[in-house]
């Protein structure tokens, strides 16, 4: 199946969860600062890695659920960066849907450009690598935060969130294909 279609299908599943949770909980996530979003993703990525290493789990939600959660927290991170002020503020569902679409469209465009240059190398990667690379990106964000948000030559926090989102989508596509 074509990557473009598979990507959209995986995003659709993530968006469905995100919007339903927004309707259930509102936008309570608006209070999260960047480090808190990073820590939420970190918890999920570390759980994936632990399940991979132990080859067993005791909590019902499996690895695909965690990758979907990472996608949605990466979108939250991007939205929070753009709004530039974590606060107790309720956003309307239609605004949340617009923002969600804006950032997944940007992430998809980034993926398509990188796929052009890298030849879809991700298709030959392991699920373990995706979890590890997500953890690397999170540690990079923590270092950028430690540097007061400044980088000398490296990409910023937003680019790391986009990569995290795309690695998670790649993992979901490969899981759907039965390769993981």
Protein backbone atom coordinates (compact mmCIF):
# COMPACT_ATOMS: atom_id res chain seq x y z
CA UNK A 1 0.00 0.00 0.00
CA UNK A 2 1.25 3.50 -0.74
CA UNK A 3 2.88 5.40 2.11
CA UNK A 4 0.70 8.44 1.52
CA UNK A 5 -2.49 6.44 2.10
CA UNK A 6 -1.04 4.47 5.02
CA UNK A 7 0.12 7.69 6.67
CA UNK A 8 -3.34 9.23 6.35
CA UNK A 9 -4.97 6.10 7.78
CA UNK A 10 -2.67 6.07 10.82
CA UNK A 11 -3.19 9.80 11.39
CA UNK A 12 -6.95 9.32 11.09
CA UNK A 13 -6.88 6.79 13.95
CA UNK A 14 -4.79 9.15 16.10
CA UNK A 15 -6.98 12.16 15.28
CA UNK A 16 -10.13 10.22 16.16
CA UNK A 17 -8.73 9.44 19.62
CA UNK A 18 -7.50 13.02 20.07
CA UNK A 19 -10.83 14.63 19.19
CA UNK A 20 -12.86 12.20 21.30
CA UNK A 21 -10.58 12.87 24.28
CA UNK A 22 -10.90 16.60 23.65
CA UNK A 23 -14.68 16.23 23.79
CA UNK A 24 -14.38 14.15 27.00
CA UNK A 25 -11.74 16.21 28.81
CA UNK A 26 -11.63 19.55 27.04
CA UNK A 27 -8.20 21.03 26.50
CA UNK A 28 -6.82 20.45 29.98
CA UNK A 29 -3.47 19.83 28.23
CA UNK A 30 -3.21 23.60 27.65
CA UNK A 31 -1.58 23.86 31.10
CA UNK A 32 1.35 21.66 30.05
CA UNK A 33 4.71 23.31 29.63
CA UNK A 34 7.16 21.93 27.08
CA UNK A 35 9.02 19.82 29.63
CA UNK A 36 5.73 18.24 30.76
CA UNK A 37 4.79 17.32 27.18
CA UNK A 38 8.28 15.87 26.73
CA UNK A 39 7.90 13.85 29.92
CA UNK A 40 4.53 12.45 28.81
CA UNK A 41 6.07 11.29 25.53
CA UNK A 42 9.10 9.98 27.44
CA UNK A 43 6.86 7.81 29.65
CA UNK A 44 5.16 6.31 26.60
CA UNK A 45 8.42 5.72 24.69
CA UNK A 46 10.03 4.13 27.74
CA UNK A 47 7.00 1.86 28.21
CA UNK A 48 7.31 0.75 24.58
CA UNK A 49 10.99 0.00 25.12
CA UNK A 50 10.28 -1.90 28.35
CA UNK A 51 7.61 -4.04 26.66
CA UNK A 52 9.99 -4.68 23.76
CA UNK A 53 12.78 -5.74 26.13
CA UNK A 54 10.64 -7.84 28.47
CA UNK A 55 8.47 -9.21 25.65
CA UNK A 56 5.48 -9.01 27.97
CA UNK A 57 3.17 -6.42 29.46
CA UNK A 58 0.84 -6.22 32.44
CA UNK A 59 -1.25 -3.19 31.43
CA UNK A 60 -3.82 -3.74 28.68
CA UNK A 61 -2.89 -0.89 26.30
CA UNK A 62 -0.31 -2.23 23.88
CA UNK A 63 2.51 -0.77 21.85
CA UNK A 64 0.26 0.57 19.05
CA UNK A 65 -1.76 2.51 21.62
CA UNK A 66 1.42 4.05 23.01
CA UNK A 67 2.64 5.10 19.55
CA UNK A 68 -0.76 6.74 18.93
CA UNK A 69 -0.43 8.55 22.24
CA UNK A 70 3.03 9.77 21.24
CA UNK A 71 1.63 11.13 17.97
CA UNK A 72 -1.03 13.04 19.87
CA UNK A 73 1.35 14.41 22.49
CA UNK A 74 3.70 15.54 19.70
CA UNK A 75 0.78 17.47 18.20
CA UNK A 76 0.01 18.92 21.63
CA UNK A 77 3.65 19.98 21.86
CA UNK A 78 3.49 21.72 18.49
CA UNK A 79 0.24 23.47 19.37
CA UNK A 80 1.62 24.58 22.71
CA UNK A 81 4.77 25.97 21.06
CA UNK A 82 2.66 27.96 18.62
CA UNK A 83 0.38 29.36 21.33
CA UNK A 84 3.52 30.23 23.30
CA UNK A 85 1.94 30.42 26.74
CA UNK A 86 0.76 27.35 28.67
CA UNK A 87 -2.32 28.41 30.57
CA UNK A 88 -5.67 27.35 31.93
CA UNK A 89 -7.60 28.03 28.76
CA UNK A 90 -10.29 26.05 27.04
CA UNK A 91 -10.06 25.89 23.26
CA UNK A 92 -13.11 25.10 21.16
CA UNK A 93 -13.10 21.67 19.51
CA UNK A 94 -13.20 23.18 16.01
CA UNK A 95 -10.07 25.23 16.76
CA UNK A 96 -8.35 22.13 18.15
CA UNK A 97 -9.29 20.20 15.00
CA UNK A 98 -7.87 22.98 12.79
CA UNK A 99 -4.64 23.11 14.77
CA UNK A 100 -4.34 19.31 14.75
CA UNK A 101 -4.76 19.21 10.98
CA UNK A 102 -2.28 22.05 10.47
CA UNK A 103 0.48 20.23 12.32
CA UNK A 104 -0.13 16.76 10.91
CA UNK A 105 -0.18 18.29 7.41
CA UNK A 106 3.18 19.91 8.15
CA UNK A 107 4.57 16.64 9.55
CA UNK A 108 3.34 14.75 6.49
CA UNK A 109 4.95 17.27 4.11
CA UNK A 110 8.20 16.87 6.05
CA UNK A 111 7.89 13.08 5.81
CA UNK A 112 7.29 13.20 2.06
CA UNK A 113 10.35 15.40 1.53
CA UNK A 114 12.54 13.16 3.67
CA UNK A 115 11.17 10.02 2.00
CA UNK A 116 12.21 11.49 -1.33
CA UNK A 117 15.78 11.95 -0.12
CA UNK A 118 16.09 8.84 2.06
CA UNK A 119 14.14 6.42 -0.14
CA UNK A 120 11.80 5.25 2.63
CA UNK A 121 14.65 3.77 4.64
CA UNK A 122 12.26 3.63 7.60
CA UNK A 123 10.57 0.60 6.05
CA UNK A 124 13.67 -1.44 6.89
CA UNK A 125 13.97 -0.15 10.45
CA UNK A 126 12.97 -2.01 13.59
CA UNK A 127 10.32 -0.96 16.06
CA UNK A 128 13.10 -0.86 18.64
CA UNK A 129 14.91 1.78 16.59
CA UNK A 130 11.81 3.96 16.44
CA UNK A 131 11.48 3.83 20.24
CA UNK A 132 15.18 4.61 20.67
CA UNK A 133 15.12 7.49 18.18
CA UNK A 134 12.09 8.98 19.90
CA UNK A 135 13.97 8.84 23.20
CA UNK A 136 16.99 10.54 21.56
CA UNK A 137 14.76 13.32 20.23
CA UNK A 138 13.26 13.80 23.70
CA UNK A 139 16.70 14.05 25.28
CA UNK A 140 17.63 16.61 22.62
CA UNK A 141 14.55 18.68 23.48
CA UNK A 142 15.51 18.52 27.17
CA UNK A 143 18.98 19.81 26.28
CA UNK A 144 17.52 22.60 24.16
CA UNK A 145 15.33 23.59 27.11
CA UNK A 146 18.41 23.50 29.34
CA UNK A 147 20.00 25.90 26.81
CA UNK A 148 17.05 28.29 27.23
CA UNK A 149 15.57 27.19 23.90
CA UNK A 150 18.64 28.18 21.90
CA UNK A 151 20.61 26.04 19.47
CA UNK A 152 23.82 26.88 17.61
CA UNK A 153 23.34 24.79 14.47
CA UNK A 154 20.69 22.25 15.35
CA UNK A 155 16.98 22.07 14.63
CA UNK A 156 14.64 23.40 17.26
CA UNK A 157 12.06 21.80 19.50
CA UNK A 158 9.38 21.89 16.80
CA UNK A 159 11.47 19.86 14.33
CA UNK A 160 12.11 17.25 17.01
CA UNK A 161 8.37 16.96 17.70
CA UNK A 162 7.75 16.48 13.96
CA UNK A 163 10.35 13.69 13.80
CA UNK A 164 8.83 12.04 16.89
CA UNK A 165 5.39 12.19 15.28
CA UNK A 166 6.67 10.70 12.03
CA UNK A 167 8.67 7.91 13.72
CA UNK A 168 5.50 6.94 15.57
CA UNK A 169 3.46 6.91 12.36
CA UNK A 170 6.11 4.76 10.66
CA UNK A 171 5.93 2.29 13.55
CA UNK A 172 2.13 2.19 13.31
CA UNK A 173 2.30 1.56 9.55
CA UNK A 174 4.75 -1.30 10.00
CA UNK A 175 2.67 -2.77 12.84
CA UNK A 176 -0.39 -2.62 10.57
CA UNK A 177 1.60 -4.42 7.87
CA UNK A 178 2.47 -7.16 10.38
CA UNK A 179 6.19 -6.37 10.25
CA UNK A 180 6.45 -5.68 13.99
